[in-house]
PDB file of N, CA and C in Angstrom:
ATOM      1  N   MET A   1    -103.166  10.844 -97.255  1.00  0.00           N
ATOM      2  CA  MET A   1    -102.265  11.938 -97.010  1.00  0.00           C
ATOM      3  C   MET A   1    -101.658  12.377 -98.345  1.00  0.00           C
ATOM      4  N   GLU A   2    -101.728  13.641 -98.629  1.00  0.00           N
ATOM      5  CA  GLU A   2    -101.159  14.194 -99.852  1.00  0.00           C
ATOM      6  C   GLU A   2     -99.645  14.341 -99.691  1.00  0.00           C
ATOM      7  N   PHE A   3     -98.901  14.060-100.770  1.00  0.00           N
ATOM      8  CA  PHE A   3     -97.445  14.154-100.722  1.00  0.00           C
ATOM      9  C   PHE A   3     -97.004  15.590-100.496  1.00  0.00           C
ATOM     10  N   ASN A   4     -96.062  15.774 -99.565  1.00  0.00           N
ATOM     11  CA  ASN A   4     -95.501  17.076 -99.241  1.00  0.00           C
ATOM     12  C   ASN A   4     -93.989  16.973 -99.416  1.00  0.00           C
ATOM     13  N   GLU A   5     -93.473  17.547-100.503  1.00  0.00           N
ATOM     14  CA  GLU A   5     -92.051  17.407-100.823  1.00  0.00           C
ATOM     15  C   GLU A   5     -91.150  18.014 -99.754  1.00  0.00           C
ATOM     16  N   LYS A   6     -91.521  19.163 -99.216  1.00  0.00           N
ATOM     17  CA  LYS A   6     -90.709  19.808 -98.176  1.00  0.00           C
ATOM     18  C   LYS A   6     -90.616  18.911 -96.943  1.00  0.00           C
ATOM     19  N   LYS A   7     -91.735  18.378 -96.517  1.00  0.00           N
ATOM     20  CA  LYS A   7     -91.778  17.489 -95.361  1.00  0.00           C
ATOM     21  C   LYS A   7     -90.997  16.202 -95.647  1.00  0.00           C
ATOM     22  N   PHE A   8     -91.106  15.696 -96.865  1.00  0.00           N
ATOM     23  CA  PHE A   8     -90.363  14.509 -97.281  1.00  0.00           C
ATOM     24  C   PHE A   8     -88.866  14.756 -97.145  1.00  0.00           C
ATOM     25  N   ASN A   9     -88.387  15.859 -97.705  1.00  0.00           N
ATOM     26  CA  ASN A   9     -86.959  16.175 -97.651  1.00  0.00           C
ATOM     27  C   ASN A   9     -86.480  16.397 -96.223  1.00  0.00           C
ATOM     28  N   GLU A  10     -87.283  17.064 -95.407  1.00  0.00           N
ATOM     29  CA  GLU A  10     -86.922  17.283 -94.006  1.00  0.00           C
ATOM     30  C   GLU A  10     -86.850  15.958 -93.250  1.00  0.00           C
ATOM     31  N   SER A  11     -87.764  15.063 -93.535  1.00  0.00           N
ATOM     32  CA  SER A  11     -87.807  13.764 -92.852  1.00  0.00           C
ATOM     33  C   SER A  11     -86.601  12.903 -93.202  1.00  0.00           C
ATOM     34  N   ILE A  12     -86.259  12.829 -94.484  1.00  0.00           N
ATOM     35  CA  ILE A  12     -85.114  11.995 -94.858  1.00  0.00           C
ATOM     36  C   ILE A  12     -83.807  12.616 -94.366  1.00  0.00           C
ATOM     37  N   TYR A  13     -83.738  13.946 -94.309  1.00  0.00           N
ATOM     38  CA  TYR A  13     -82.538  14.603 -93.781  1.00  0.00           C
ATOM     39  C   TYR A  13     -82.400  14.335 -92.285  1.00  0.00           C
ATOM     40  N   ALA A  14     -83.484  14.533 -91.539  1.00  0.00           N
ATOM     41  CA  ALA A  14     -83.445  14.328 -90.090  1.00  0.00           C
ATOM     42  C   ALA A  14     -83.098  12.886 -89.741  1.00  0.00           C
ATOM     43  N   ALA A  15     -83.534  11.945 -90.555  1.00  0.00           N
ATOM     44  CA  ALA A  15     -83.252  10.528 -90.313  1.00  0.00           C
ATOM     45  C   ALA A  15     -81.877  10.115 -90.833  1.00  0.00           C
ATOM     46  N   GLY A  16     -81.172  11.026 -91.475  1.00  0.00           N
ATOM     47  CA  GLY A  16     -79.849  10.705 -91.999  1.00  0.00           C
ATOM     48  C   GLY A  16     -79.887   9.792 -93.208  1.00  0.00           C
ATOM     49  N   PHE A  17     -80.994   9.811 -93.943  1.00  0.00           N
ATOM     50  CA  PHE A  17     -81.160   8.928 -95.097  1.00  0.00           C
ATOM     51  C   PHE A  17     -80.950   9.659 -96.419  1.00  0.00           C
ATOM     52  N   ASP A  18     -80.729  10.954 -96.369  1.00  0.00           N
ATOM     53  CA  ASP A  18     -80.582  11.750 -97.590  1.00  0.00           C
ATOM     54  C   ASP A  18     -79.351  11.361 -98.401  1.00  0.00           C
ATOM     55  N   THR A  19     -78.256  11.049 -97.736  1.00  0.00           N
ATOM     56  CA  THR A  19     -77.035  10.648 -98.436  1.00  0.00           C
ATOM     57  C   THR A  19     -77.237   9.320 -99.154  1.00  0.00           C
ATOM     58  N   ASP A  20     -77.945   8.415 -98.504  1.00  0.00           N
ATOM     59  CA  ASP A  20     -78.232   7.122 -99.137  1.00  0.00           C
ATOM     60  C   ASP A  20     -79.035   7.331-100.413  1.00  0.00           C
ATOM     61  N   ILE A  21     -80.085   8.122-100.319  1.00  0.00           N
ATOM     62  CA  ILE A  21     -80.940   8.375-101.483  1.00  0.00           C
ATOM     63  C   ILE A  21     -80.143   9.020-102.610  1.00  0.00           C
ATOM     64  N   ALA A  22     -79.243   9.928-102.258  1.00  0.00           N
ATOM     65  CA  ALA A  22     -78.423  10.595-103.270  1.00  0.00           C
ATOM     66  C   ALA A  22     -77.537   9.594-104.012  1.00  0.00           C
ATOM     67  N   ASN A  23     -77.178   8.497-103.357  1.00  0.00           N
ATOM     68  CA  ASN A  23     -76.313   7.489-103.974  1.00  0.00           C
ATOM     69  C   ASN A  23     -77.073   6.392-104.711  1.00  0.00           C
ATOM     70  N   PHE A  24     -78.391   6.342-104.555  1.00  0.00           N
ATOM     71  CA  PHE A  24     -79.186   5.352-105.282  1.00  0.00           C
ATOM     72  C   PHE A  24     -79.257   5.744-106.755  1.00  0.00           C
ATOM     73  N   GLN A  25     -79.229   4.755-107.627  1.00  0.00           N
ATOM     74  CA  GLN A  25     -79.239   5.013-109.068  1.00  0.00           C
ATOM     75  C   GLN A  25     -80.423   5.881-109.489  1.00  0.00           C
ATOM     76  N   TYR A  26     -81.586   5.628-108.916  1.00  0.00           N
ATOM     77  CA  TYR A  26     -82.784   6.382-109.293  1.00  0.00           C
ATOM     78  C   TYR A  26     -83.245   7.329-108.187  1.00  0.00           C
ATOM     79  N   GLY A  27     -82.335   7.683-107.290  1.00  0.00           N
ATOM     80  CA  GLY A  27     -82.669   8.628-106.225  1.00  0.00           C
ATOM     81  C   GLY A  27     -83.846   8.152-105.398  1.00  0.00           C
ATOM     82  N   ASP A  28     -84.771   9.062-105.124  1.00  0.00           N
ATOM     83  CA  ASP A  28     -85.919   8.698-104.288  1.00  0.00           C
ATOM     84  C   ASP A  28     -86.976   7.895-105.046  1.00  0.00           C
ATOM     85  N   SER A  29     -86.723   7.602-106.305  1.00  0.00           N
ATOM     86  CA  SER A  29     -87.624   6.735-107.077  1.00  0.00           C
ATOM     87  C   SER A  29     -87.135   5.285-107.095  1.00  0.00           C
ATOM     88  N   THR A  30     -86.044   5.021-106.404  1.00  0.00           N
ATOM     89  CA  THR A  30     -85.473   3.681-106.357  1.00  0.00           C
ATOM     90  C   THR A  30     -86.394   2.738-105.597  1.00  0.00           C
ATOM     91  N   LEU A  31     -86.626   1.580-106.167  1.00  0.00           N
ATOM     92  CA  LEU A  31     -87.452   0.559-105.533  1.00  0.00           C
ATOM     93  C   LEU A  31     -86.589  -0.220-104.545  1.00  0.00           C
ATOM     94  N   VAL A  32     -87.075  -0.394-103.329  1.00  0.00           N
ATOM     95  CA  VAL A  32     -86.353  -1.171-102.318  1.00  0.00           C
ATOM     96  C   VAL A  32     -87.215  -2.345-101.878  1.00  0.00           C
ATOM     97  N   GLY A  33     -86.568  -3.364-101.353  1.00  0.00           N
ATOM     98  CA  GLY A  33     -87.320  -4.518-100.861  1.00  0.00           C
ATOM     99  C   GLY A  33     -87.239  -5.700-101.796  1.00  0.00           C
ATOM    100  N   ASP A  34     -88.292  -6.508-101.800  1.00  0.00           N
ATOM    101  CA  ASP A  34     -88.298  -7.765-102.554  1.00  0.00           C
ATOM    102  C   ASP A  34     -87.969  -7.596-104.033  1.00  0.00           C
ATOM    103  N   ASN A  35     -88.491  -6.575-104.666  1.00  0.00           N
ATOM    104  CA  ASN A  35     -88.277  -6.386-106.106  1.00  0.00           C
ATOM    105  C   ASN A  35     -87.292  -5.267-106.420  1.00  0.00           C
ATOM    106  N   GLY A  36     -86.593  -4.786-105.410  1.00  0.00           N
ATOM    107  CA  GLY A  36     -85.674  -3.677-105.611  1.00  0.00           C
ATOM    108  C   GLY A  36     -84.326  -3.955-104.968  1.00  0.00           C
ATOM    109  N   ILE A  37     -83.630  -2.882-104.627  1.00  0.00           N
ATOM    110  CA  ILE A  37     -82.314  -3.033-104.012  1.00  0.00           C
ATOM    111  C   ILE A  37     -82.460  -3.507-102.568  1.00  0.00           C
ATOM    112  N   ILE A  38     -81.404  -4.114-102.069  1.00  0.00           N
ATOM    113  CA  ILE A  38     -81.382  -4.602-100.693  1.00  0.00           C
ATOM    114  C   ILE A  38     -80.740  -3.529 -99.822  1.00  0.00           C
ATOM    115  N   LEU A  39     -81.408  -3.180 -98.739  1.00  0.00           N
ATOM    116  CA  LEU A  39     -80.894  -2.181 -97.814  1.00  0.00           C
ATOM    117  C   LEU A  39     -80.168  -2.863 -96.659  1.00  0.00           C
ATOM    118  N   SER A  40     -79.141  -2.183 -96.139  1.00  0.00           N
ATOM    119  CA  SER A  40     -78.457  -2.682 -94.948  1.00  0.00           C
ATOM    120  C   SER A  40     -79.365  -2.478 -93.736  1.00  0.00           C
ATOM    121  N   GLY A  41     -78.980  -3.036 -92.614  1.00  0.00           N
ATOM    122  CA  GLY A  41     -79.754  -2.856 -91.391  1.00  0.00           C
ATOM    123  C   GLY A  41     -79.861  -1.397 -90.994  1.00  0.00           C
ATOM    124  N   GLY A  42     -78.761  -0.664 -91.126  1.00  0.00           N
ATOM    125  CA  GLY A  42     -78.773   0.758 -90.797  1.00  0.00           C
ATOM    126  C   GLY A  42     -79.661   1.553 -91.733  1.00  0.00           C
ATOM    127  N   GLN A  43     -79.622   1.219 -93.018  1.00  0.00           N
ATOM    128  CA  GLN A  43     -80.483   1.902 -93.988  1.00  0.00           C
ATOM    129  C   GLN A  43     -81.952   1.624 -93.704  1.00  0.00           C
ATOM    130  N   LYS A  44     -82.266   0.382 -93.348  1.00  0.00           N
ATOM    131  CA  LYS A  44     -83.652   0.048 -93.009  1.00  0.00           C
ATOM    132  C   LYS A  44     -84.119   0.847 -91.798  1.00  0.00           C
ATOM    133  N   ALA A  45     -83.249   0.970 -90.801  1.00  0.00           N
ATOM    134  CA  ALA A  45     -83.602   1.721 -89.592  1.00  0.00           C
ATOM    135  C   ALA A  45     -83.838   3.191 -89.918  1.00  0.00           C
ATOM    136  N   ARG A  46     -82.964   3.771 -90.746  1.00  0.00           N
ATOM    137  CA  ARG A  46     -83.111   5.188 -91.104  1.00  0.00           C
ATOM    138  C   ARG A  46     -84.342   5.424 -91.967  1.00  0.00           C
ATOM    139  N   LEU A  47     -84.633   4.488 -92.877  1.00  0.00           N
ATOM    140  CA  LEU A  47     -85.833   4.606 -93.701  1.00  0.00           C
ATOM    141  C   LEU A  47     -87.093   4.527 -92.836  1.00  0.00           C
ATOM    142  N   SER A  48     -87.110   3.608 -91.891  1.00  0.00           N
ATOM    143  CA  SER A  48     -88.263   3.490 -90.987  1.00  0.00           C
ATOM    144  C   SER A  48     -88.450   4.757 -90.170  1.00  0.00           C
ATOM    145  N   LEU A  49     -87.348   5.328 -89.695  1.00  0.00           N
ATOM    146  CA  LEU A  49     -87.431   6.571 -88.932  1.00  0.00           C
ATOM    147  C   LEU A  49     -87.941   7.708 -89.809  1.00  0.00           C
ATOM    148  N   ALA A  50     -87.448   7.799 -91.039  1.00  0.00           N
ATOM    149  CA  ALA A  50     -87.915   8.847 -91.961  1.00  0.00           C
ATOM    150  C   ALA A  50     -89.408   8.704 -92.233  1.00  0.00           C
ATOM    151  N   ARG A  51     -89.869   7.483 -92.407  1.00  0.00           N
ATOM    152  CA  ARG A  51     -91.303   7.246 -92.630  1.00  0.00           C
ATOM    153  C   ARG A  51     -92.120   7.709 -91.429  1.00  0.00           C
ATOM    154  N   ALA A  52     -91.630   7.412 -90.238  1.00  0.00           N
ATOM    155  CA  ALA A  52     -92.340   7.831 -89.024  1.00  0.00           C
ATOM    156  C   ALA A  52     -92.376   9.350 -88.913  1.00  0.00           C
ATOM    157  N   LEU A  53     -91.242   9.994 -89.168  1.00  0.00           N
ATOM    158  CA  LEU A  53     -91.182  11.458 -89.072  1.00  0.00           C
ATOM    159  C   LEU A  53     -92.096  12.130 -90.085  1.00  0.00           C
ATOM    160  N   TYR A  54     -92.210  11.546 -91.253  1.00  0.00           N
ATOM    161  CA  TYR A  54     -93.069  12.119 -92.289  1.00  0.00           C
ATOM    162  C   TYR A  54     -94.524  12.138 -91.846  1.00  0.00           C
ATOM    163  N   ARG A  55     -94.918  11.190 -91.022  1.00  0.00           N
ATOM    164  CA  ARG A  55     -96.307  11.092 -90.559  1.00  0.00           C
ATOM    165  C   ARG A  55     -96.691  12.244 -89.636  1.00  0.00           C
ATOM    166  N   ASP A  56     -95.736  12.874 -88.979  1.00  0.00           N
ATOM    167  CA  ASP A  56     -95.993  14.034 -88.118  1.00  0.00           C
ATOM    168  C   ASP A  56     -97.054  13.727 -87.054  1.00  0.00           C
ATOM    169  N   GLU A  57     -96.812  12.687 -86.281  1.00  0.00           N
ATOM    170  CA  GLU A  57     -97.734  12.277 -85.224  1.00  0.00           C
ATOM    171  C   GLU A  57     -97.375  12.956 -83.904  1.00  0.00           C
ATOM    172  N   ASP A  58     -98.277  12.869 -82.945  1.00  0.00           N
ATOM    173  CA  ASP A  58     -98.034  13.427 -81.613  1.00  0.00           C
ATOM    174  C   ASP A  58     -97.130  12.527 -80.781  1.00  0.00           C
ATOM    175  N   ILE A  59     -97.240  11.219 -80.982  1.00  0.00           N
ATOM    176  CA  ILE A  59     -96.477  10.252 -80.198  1.00  0.00           C
ATOM    177  C   ILE A  59     -95.825   9.241 -81.143  1.00  0.00           C
ATOM    178  N   TYR A  60     -94.549   8.944 -80.874  1.00  0.00           N
ATOM    179  CA  TYR A  60     -93.820   7.918 -81.617  1.00  0.00           C
ATOM    180  C   TYR A  60     -93.318   6.877 -80.621  1.00  0.00           C
ATOM    181  N   LEU A  61     -93.493   5.619 -80.911  1.00  0.00           N
ATOM    182  CA  LEU A  61     -92.924   4.538 -80.114  1.00  0.00           C
ATOM    183  C   LEU A  61     -91.765   3.957 -80.914  1.00  0.00           C
ATOM    184  N   LEU A  62     -90.555   4.192 -80.436  1.00  0.00           N
ATOM    185  CA  LEU A  62     -89.354   3.756 -81.146  1.00  0.00           C
ATOM    186  C   LEU A  62     -88.617   2.733 -80.294  1.00  0.00           C
ATOM    187  N   ASP A  63     -88.259   1.621 -80.880  1.00  0.00           N
ATOM    188  CA  ASP A  63     -87.546   0.565 -80.175  1.00  0.00           C
ATOM    189  C   ASP A  63     -86.070   0.630 -80.540  1.00  0.00           C
ATOM    190  N   ASP A  64     -85.300   1.375 -79.758  1.00  0.00           N
ATOM    191  CA  ASP A  64     -83.859   1.521 -79.951  1.00  0.00           C
ATOM    192  C   ASP A  64     -83.510   1.899 -81.393  1.00  0.00           C
ATOM    193  N   PRO A  65     -83.980   3.051 -81.861  1.00  0.00           N
ATOM    194  CA  PRO A  65     -83.819   3.428 -83.270  1.00  0.00           C
ATOM    195  C   PRO A  65     -82.379   3.699 -83.700  1.00  0.00           C
ATOM    196  N   LEU A  66     -81.463   3.845 -82.746  1.00  0.00           N
ATOM    197  CA  LEU A  66     -80.081   4.147 -83.109  1.00  0.00           C
ATOM    198  C   LEU A  66     -79.176   2.918 -83.055  1.00  0.00           C
ATOM    199  N   SER A  67     -79.730   1.760 -82.739  1.00  0.00           N
ATOM    200  CA  SER A  67     -78.905   0.560 -82.561  1.00  0.00           C
ATOM    201  C   SER A  67     -78.237   0.085 -83.852  1.00  0.00           C
ATOM    202  N   ALA A  68     -78.816   0.374 -84.996  1.00  0.00           N
ATOM    203  CA  ALA A  68     -78.290  -0.143 -86.265  1.00  0.00           C
ATOM    204  C   ALA A  68     -77.476   0.887 -87.039  1.00  0.00           C
ATOM    205  N   VAL A  69     -77.197   2.043 -86.422  1.00  0.00           N
ATOM    206  CA  VAL A  69     -76.452   3.092 -87.128  1.00  0.00           C
ATOM    207  C   VAL A  69     -75.143   3.379 -86.406  1.00  0.00           C
ATOM    208  N   ASP A  70     -74.168   3.925 -87.140  1.00  0.00           N
ATOM    209  CA  ASP A  70     -72.884   4.230 -86.524  1.00  0.00           C
ATOM    210  C   ASP A  70     -72.971   5.516 -85.693  1.00  0.00           C
ATOM    211  N   VAL A  71     -71.893   5.836 -85.007  1.00  0.00           N
ATOM    212  CA  VAL A  71     -71.877   6.960 -84.067  1.00  0.00           C
ATOM    213  C   VAL A  71     -72.174   8.291 -84.755  1.00  0.00           C
ATOM    214  N   GLN A  72     -71.578   8.539 -85.913  1.00  0.00           N
ATOM    215  CA  GLN A  72     -71.789   9.809 -86.610  1.00  0.00           C
ATOM    216  C   GLN A  72     -73.242   9.964 -87.044  1.00  0.00           C
ATOM    217  N   VAL A  73     -73.819   8.918 -87.577  1.00  0.00           N
ATOM    218  CA  VAL A  73     -75.215   8.970 -88.016  1.00  0.00           C
ATOM    219  C   VAL A  73     -76.132   9.118 -86.806  1.00  0.00           C
ATOM    220  N   ALA A  74     -75.841   8.406 -85.730  1.00  0.00           N
ATOM    221  CA  ALA A  74     -76.644   8.521 -84.507  1.00  0.00           C
ATOM    222  C   ALA A  74     -76.615   9.952 -83.981  1.00  0.00           C
ATOM    223  N   ARG A  75     -75.450  10.566 -84.003  1.00  0.00           N
ATOM    224  CA  ARG A  75     -75.327  11.954 -83.543  1.00  0.00           C
ATOM    225  C   ARG A  75     -76.167  12.879 -84.431  1.00  0.00           C
ATOM    226  N   HIS A  76     -76.090  12.693 -85.740  1.00  0.00           N
ATOM    227  CA  HIS A  76     -76.873  13.509 -86.676  1.00  0.00           C
ATOM    228  C   HIS A  76     -78.366  13.363 -86.394  1.00  0.00           C
ATOM    229  N   ILE A  77     -78.829  12.129 -86.256  1.00  0.00           N
ATOM    230  CA  ILE A  77     -80.251  11.880 -86.000  1.00  0.00           C
ATOM    231  C   ILE A  77     -80.667  12.521 -84.684  1.00  0.00           C
ATOM    232  N   PHE A  78     -79.862  12.342 -83.653  1.00  0.00           N
ATOM    233  CA  PHE A  78     -80.195  12.891 -82.337  1.00  0.00           C
ATOM    234  C   PHE A  78     -80.284  14.414 -82.377  1.00  0.00           C
ATOM    235  N   GLU A  79     -79.367  15.056 -83.097  1.00  0.00           N
ATOM    236  CA  GLU A  79     -79.348  16.522 -83.165  1.00  0.00           C
ATOM    237  C   GLU A  79     -80.469  17.082 -84.027  1.00  0.00           C
ATOM    238  N   LYS A  80     -80.950  16.339 -84.999  1.00  0.00           N
ATOM    239  CA  LYS A  80     -81.996  16.839 -85.898  1.00  0.00           C
ATOM    240  C   LYS A  80     -83.352  16.495 -85.358  1.00  0.00           C
TER     241      LYS A  80
END
């Protein structure tokens, strides 16, 4: 899959992860995981959702995707 910046930005916005990325030292180039920064449970959930949205599939199987986020973020995700 070729990188699509517009789709990338829409996906991270819809997942409510854009604010997190804006606060990372290296923005969307920040390394996360074993060799990078540690994400909170809510950040991991939003990143996973953004990754799924970027794929633009016909069907998504989500296991309680809003359980790790607060009410305001859940509302944002639901509305987008």
